[in-house]
């Protein structure tokens, strides 16, 4: 089970730079995110506050990424990443579009090497569509992720902007 968790974490790390410091931050409020890949589709909601995206990026990458390169394009942003989690190396390229006020869409491809049980590299394609659905609900704090089954995961350090 641990190798699967590592692979998922590496894929997530490669997709997370959609909100790197050089990019606009999402408008505070409740955002619904739909992630689609060959493995299926997941839907979750997140309460976003000022600085939540930057704090989450810093907490999740934890120095694991040697490269996070963001470039403005005519239609949005391109992001190139190189991250290492344990023995797994993730090299990703993403295209991000949207106004960051109501919608954000990320399309990315990540190549994973060093995966336990895999002789060669593994390519993962991920599309993430996020839309603002209103204000955060009572009791929700910035960084809270509400899973489709109602469970809440609180992201440490995401509640307040980093100084």
C-alpha atoms as a PDB file:
ATOM      1  CA  UNK A   1       0.000   0.000   0.000  1.00  0.00           C
ATOM      2  CA  UNK A   2       2.871   2.376   0.765  1.00  0.00           C
ATOM      3  CA  UNK A   3       4.193   2.367  -2.865  1.00  0.00           C
ATOM      4  CA  UNK A   4       0.728   3.358  -4.090  1.00  0.00           C
ATOM      5  CA  UNK A   5       0.578   6.226  -1.583  1.00  0.00           C
ATOM      6  CA  UNK A   6       4.024   7.411  -2.689  1.00  0.00           C
ATOM      7  CA  UNK A   7       2.998   7.319  -6.354  1.00  0.00           C
ATOM      8  CA  UNK A   8      -0.154   9.302  -5.622  1.00  0.00           C
ATOM      9  CA  UNK A   9       1.835  11.834  -3.583  1.00  0.00           C
ATOM     10  CA  UNK A  10       4.342  12.251  -6.402  1.00  0.00           C
ATOM     11  CA  UNK A  11       1.542  12.827  -8.909  1.00  0.00           C
ATOM     12  CA  UNK A  12      -0.083  15.378  -6.619  1.00  0.00           C
ATOM     13  CA  UNK A  13       3.214  17.180  -6.057  1.00  0.00           C
ATOM     14  CA  UNK A  14       3.624  17.573  -9.783  1.00  0.00           C
ATOM     15  CA  UNK A  15       0.132  19.032 -10.144  1.00  0.00           C
ATOM     16  CA  UNK A  16       0.214  21.324  -7.109  1.00  0.00           C
ATOM     17  CA  UNK A  17       2.381  24.086  -8.618  1.00  0.00           C
ATOM     18  CA  UNK A  18      -0.751  25.297 -10.374  1.00  0.00           C
ATOM     19  CA  UNK A  19      -0.778  27.787  -7.517  1.00  0.00           C
ATOM     20  CA  UNK A  20       2.898  28.632  -7.225  1.00  0.00           C
ATOM     21  CA  UNK A  21       3.929  32.027  -5.915  1.00  0.00           C
ATOM     22  CA  UNK A  22       4.179  33.531  -9.409  1.00  0.00           C
ATOM     23  CA  UNK A  23       0.564  32.716 -10.213  1.00  0.00           C
ATOM     24  CA  UNK A  24      -2.548  34.563  -9.087  1.00  0.00           C
ATOM     25  CA  UNK A  25      -4.170  33.139  -5.977  1.00  0.00           C
ATOM     26  CA  UNK A  26      -7.734  31.864  -6.082  1.00  0.00           C
ATOM     27  CA  UNK A  27     -10.441  34.164  -4.770  1.00  0.00           C
ATOM     28  CA  UNK A  28     -11.270  33.284  -1.143  1.00  0.00           C
ATOM     29  CA  UNK A  29     -14.350  31.105  -0.694  1.00  0.00           C
ATOM     30  CA  UNK A  30     -15.488  27.528  -1.240  1.00  0.00           C
ATOM     31  CA  UNK A  31     -14.042  25.874  -4.359  1.00  0.00           C
ATOM     32  CA  UNK A  32     -15.205  22.597  -5.883  1.00  0.00           C
ATOM     33  CA  UNK A  33     -12.452  20.641  -7.602  1.00  0.00           C
ATOM     34  CA  UNK A  34     -12.925  17.788 -10.057  1.00  0.00           C
ATOM     35  CA  UNK A  35      -9.779  15.752 -10.803  1.00  0.00           C
ATOM     36  CA  UNK A  36      -9.860  13.423 -13.813  1.00  0.00           C
ATOM     37  CA  UNK A  37      -7.250  10.821 -14.761  1.00  0.00           C
ATOM     38  CA  UNK A  38      -7.047   7.324 -16.211  1.00  0.00           C
ATOM     39  CA  UNK A  39      -7.589   6.037 -12.657  1.00  0.00           C
ATOM     40  CA  UNK A  40     -10.972   7.795 -12.445  1.00  0.00           C
ATOM     41  CA  UNK A  41     -12.557  10.988 -11.217  1.00  0.00           C
ATOM     42  CA  UNK A  42     -12.639  12.552  -7.760  1.00  0.00           C
ATOM     43  CA  UNK A  43     -14.572  15.555  -6.522  1.00  0.00           C
ATOM     44  CA  UNK A  44     -13.804  17.537  -3.384  1.00  0.00           C
ATOM     45  CA  UNK A  45     -14.383  21.029  -2.008  1.00  0.00           C
ATOM     46  CA  UNK A  46     -11.892  23.312  -0.333  1.00  0.00           C
ATOM     47  CA  UNK A  47     -12.278  26.411   1.780  1.00  0.00           C
ATOM     48  CA  UNK A  48      -9.753  28.906   0.376  1.00  0.00           C
ATOM     49  CA  UNK A  49      -8.545  32.003   2.227  1.00  0.00           C
ATOM     50  CA  UNK A  50      -5.883  34.606   1.487  1.00  0.00           C
ATOM     51  CA  UNK A  51      -2.575  32.781   1.133  1.00  0.00           C
ATOM     52  CA  UNK A  52      -4.077  29.262   1.287  1.00  0.00           C
ATOM     53  CA  UNK A  53      -2.652  28.218  -2.093  1.00  0.00           C
ATOM     54  CA  UNK A  54       0.870  29.413  -1.252  1.00  0.00           C
ATOM     55  CA  UNK A  55       0.794  27.791   2.190  1.00  0.00           C
ATOM     56  CA  UNK A  56      -0.462  24.478   0.800  1.00  0.00           C
ATOM     57  CA  UNK A  57       2.190  24.442  -1.908  1.00  0.00           C
ATOM     58  CA  UNK A  58       4.959  25.057   0.608  1.00  0.00           C
ATOM     59  CA  UNK A  59       3.639  22.405   2.991  1.00  0.00           C
ATOM     60  CA  UNK A  60       3.103  19.743   0.345  1.00  0.00           C
ATOM     61  CA  UNK A  61       6.335  20.127  -1.574  1.00  0.00           C
ATOM     62  CA  UNK A  62       8.445  20.534   1.564  1.00  0.00           C
ATOM     63  CA  UNK A  63      11.570  21.174  -0.498  1.00  0.00           C
ATOM     64  CA  UNK A  64      10.919  18.087  -2.657  1.00  0.00           C
ATOM     65  CA  UNK A  65      10.928  20.104  -5.892  1.00  0.00           C
ATOM     66  CA  UNK A  66      14.232  21.184  -7.378  1.00  0.00           C
ATOM     67  CA  UNK A  67      12.443  22.995 -10.199  1.00  0.00           C
ATOM     68  CA  UNK A  68       9.189  24.935 -10.328  1.00  0.00           C
ATOM     69  CA  UNK A  69       9.221  27.124 -13.429  1.00  0.00           C
ATOM     70  CA  UNK A  70       6.168  29.259 -14.175  1.00  0.00           C
ATOM     71  CA  UNK A  71       5.759  31.216 -17.402  1.00  0.00           C
ATOM     72  CA  UNK A  72       2.901  33.459 -18.480  1.00  0.00           C
ATOM     73  CA  UNK A  73       1.473  32.485 -21.860  1.00  0.00           C
ATOM     74  CA  UNK A  74      -1.069  34.137 -24.115  1.00  0.00           C
ATOM     75  CA  UNK A  75      -3.923  32.111 -22.633  1.00  0.00           C
ATOM     76  CA  UNK A  76      -2.731  31.435 -19.085  1.00  0.00           C
ATOM     77  CA  UNK A  77       0.380  29.875 -17.577  1.00  0.00           C
ATOM     78  CA  UNK A  78       2.725  26.966 -18.210  1.00  0.00           C
ATOM     79  CA  UNK A  79       4.431  25.195 -15.330  1.00  0.00           C
ATOM     80  CA  UNK A  80       7.409  22.818 -15.477  1.00  0.00           C
ATOM     81  CA  UNK A  81       8.372  20.873 -12.343  1.00  0.00           C
ATOM     82  CA  UNK A  82      10.942  18.368 -11.176  1.00  0.00           C
ATOM     83  CA  UNK A  83      10.263  16.790  -7.774  1.00  0.00           C
ATOM     84  CA  UNK A  84      11.686  13.859  -5.845  1.00  0.00           C
ATOM     85  CA  UNK A  85       9.868  11.951  -3.102  1.00  0.00           C
ATOM     86  CA  UNK A  86      12.053   9.182  -1.726  1.00  0.00           C
ATOM     87  CA  UNK A  87      13.229   7.140  -4.717  1.00  0.00           C
ATOM     88  CA  UNK A  88      10.504   8.472  -7.013  1.00  0.00           C
ATOM     89  CA  UNK A  89      11.266  11.319  -9.415  1.00  0.00           C
ATOM     90  CA  UNK A  90       8.342  13.225 -10.938  1.00  0.00           C
ATOM     91  CA  UNK A  91       8.843  15.475 -13.976  1.00  0.00           C
ATOM     92  CA  UNK A  92       5.722  17.404 -14.896  1.00  0.00           C
ATOM     93  CA  UNK A  93       4.408  19.938 -17.378  1.00  0.00           C
ATOM     94  CA  UNK A  94       1.081  21.716 -16.903  1.00  0.00           C
ATOM     95  CA  UNK A  95      -1.030  24.348 -18.624  1.00  0.00           C
ATOM     96  CA  UNK A  96      -3.212  26.495 -16.357  1.00  0.00           C
ATOM     97  CA  UNK A  97      -6.079  28.648 -17.563  1.00  0.00           C
ATOM     98  CA  UNK A  98      -8.898  30.513 -15.875  1.00  0.00           C
ATOM     99  CA  UNK A  99      -9.547  33.793 -14.132  1.00  0.00           C
ATOM    100  CA  UNK A 100      -8.703  32.576 -10.566  1.00  0.00           C
ATOM    101  CA  UNK A 101     -11.862  34.406  -9.430  1.00  0.00           C
ATOM    102  CA  UNK A 102     -14.438  31.827 -10.515  1.00  0.00           C
ATOM    103  CA  UNK A 103     -12.590  29.099 -12.455  1.00  0.00           C
ATOM    104  CA  UNK A 104      -9.174  27.465 -12.835  1.00  0.00           C
ATOM    105  CA  UNK A 105      -8.329  24.545 -15.129  1.00  0.00           C
ATOM    106  CA  UNK A 106      -5.053  22.620 -15.051  1.00  0.00           C
ATOM    107  CA  UNK A 107      -4.038  20.024 -17.640  1.00  0.00           C
ATOM    108  CA  UNK A 108      -0.835  18.209 -16.808  1.00  0.00           C
ATOM    109  CA  UNK A 109       1.366  15.282 -17.706  1.00  0.00           C
ATOM    110  CA  UNK A 110       3.775  13.812 -15.154  1.00  0.00           C
ATOM    111  CA  UNK A 111       6.438  11.201 -15.840  1.00  0.00           C
ATOM    112  CA  UNK A 112       7.309   9.128 -12.770  1.00  0.00           C
ATOM    113  CA  UNK A 113      10.524   7.096 -12.526  1.00  0.00           C
ATOM    114  CA  UNK A 114      11.770   4.909  -9.709  1.00  0.00           C
ATOM    115  CA  UNK A 115       8.299   3.588  -8.848  1.00  0.00           C
ATOM    116  CA  UNK A 116       8.443   0.370  -6.823  1.00  0.00           C
ATOM    117  CA  UNK A 117       7.448  -2.580  -8.988  1.00  0.00           C
ATOM    118  CA  UNK A 118       7.808  -0.614 -12.263  1.00  0.00           C
ATOM    119  CA  UNK A 119      10.664  -1.443 -14.620  1.00  0.00           C
ATOM    120  CA  UNK A 120      10.469   1.843 -16.518  1.00  0.00           C
ATOM    121  CA  UNK A 121       8.799   5.202 -16.303  1.00  0.00           C
ATOM    122  CA  UNK A 122       5.069   5.741 -15.829  1.00  0.00           C
ATOM    123  CA  UNK A 123       3.177   8.627 -17.425  1.00  0.00           C
ATOM    124  CA  UNK A 124       0.182  10.152 -15.632  1.00  0.00           C
ATOM    125  CA  UNK A 125      -2.213  12.626 -17.229  1.00  0.00           C
ATOM    126  CA  UNK A 126      -4.364  14.732 -14.937  1.00  0.00           C
ATOM    127  CA  UNK A 127      -7.027  17.364 -15.593  1.00  0.00           C
ATOM    128  CA  UNK A 128      -8.208  19.431 -12.642  1.00  0.00           C
ATOM    129  CA  UNK A 129     -11.202  21.737 -12.997  1.00  0.00           C
ATOM    130  CA  UNK A 130     -11.917  24.055 -10.088  1.00  0.00           C
ATOM    131  CA  UNK A 131     -14.819  26.458  -9.696  1.00  0.00           C
ATOM    132  CA  UNK A 132     -15.778  28.807  -6.899  1.00  0.00           C
ATOM    133  CA  UNK A 133     -19.186  27.790  -5.544  1.00  0.00           C
ATOM    134  CA  UNK A 134     -19.691  30.459  -2.868  1.00  0.00           C
ATOM    135  CA  UNK A 135     -18.465  31.374   0.578  1.00  0.00           C
ATOM    136  CA  UNK A 136     -16.993  28.866   3.019  1.00  0.00           C
ATOM    137  CA  UNK A 137     -19.607  27.307   5.267  1.00  0.00           C
ATOM    138  CA  UNK A 138     -20.031  27.717   9.022  1.00  0.00           C
ATOM    139  CA  UNK A 139     -17.176  26.067  10.890  1.00  0.00           C
ATOM    140  CA  UNK A 140     -15.020  25.730   7.767  1.00  0.00           C
ATOM    141  CA  UNK A 141     -11.593  27.325   7.878  1.00  0.00           C
ATOM    142  CA  UNK A 142      -9.132  28.081   5.076  1.00  0.00           C
ATOM    143  CA  UNK A 143      -7.337  24.927   4.025  1.00  0.00           C
ATOM    144  CA  UNK A 144     -10.183  22.553   4.951  1.00  0.00           C
ATOM    145  CA  UNK A 145     -10.753  19.966   2.209  1.00  0.00           C
ATOM    146  CA  UNK A 146     -14.226  18.419   2.230  1.00  0.00           C
ATOM    147  CA  UNK A 147     -14.231  14.989   0.581  1.00  0.00           C
ATOM    148  CA  UNK A 148     -17.228  13.638  -1.335  1.00  0.00           C
ATOM    149  CA  UNK A 149     -18.117  11.373   1.625  1.00  0.00           C
ATOM    150  CA  UNK A 150     -18.260  14.392   3.965  1.00  0.00           C
ATOM    151  CA  UNK A 151     -14.946  13.806   5.731  1.00  0.00           C
ATOM    152  CA  UNK A 152     -12.861  16.933   6.319  1.00  0.00           C
ATOM    153  CA  UNK A 153      -9.089  17.066   6.048  1.00  0.00           C
ATOM    154  CA  UNK A 154      -7.519  20.174   7.573  1.00  0.00           C
ATOM    155  CA  UNK A 155      -4.329  21.275   5.860  1.00  0.00           C
ATOM    156  CA  UNK A 156      -1.878  22.514   8.500  1.00  0.00           C
ATOM    157  CA  UNK A 157      -0.547  25.998   7.875  1.00  0.00           C
ATOM    158  CA  UNK A 158      -3.127  26.774   5.172  1.00  0.00           C
ATOM    159  CA  UNK A 159      -5.388  28.826   7.440  1.00  0.00           C
ATOM    160  CA  UNK A 160      -3.173  31.900   7.561  1.00  0.00           C
ATOM    161  CA  UNK A 161      -0.931  33.582   5.007  1.00  0.00           C
ATOM    162  CA  UNK A 162       2.796  32.887   5.396  1.00  0.00           C
ATOM    163  CA  UNK A 163       4.795  35.915   6.378  1.00  0.00           C
END
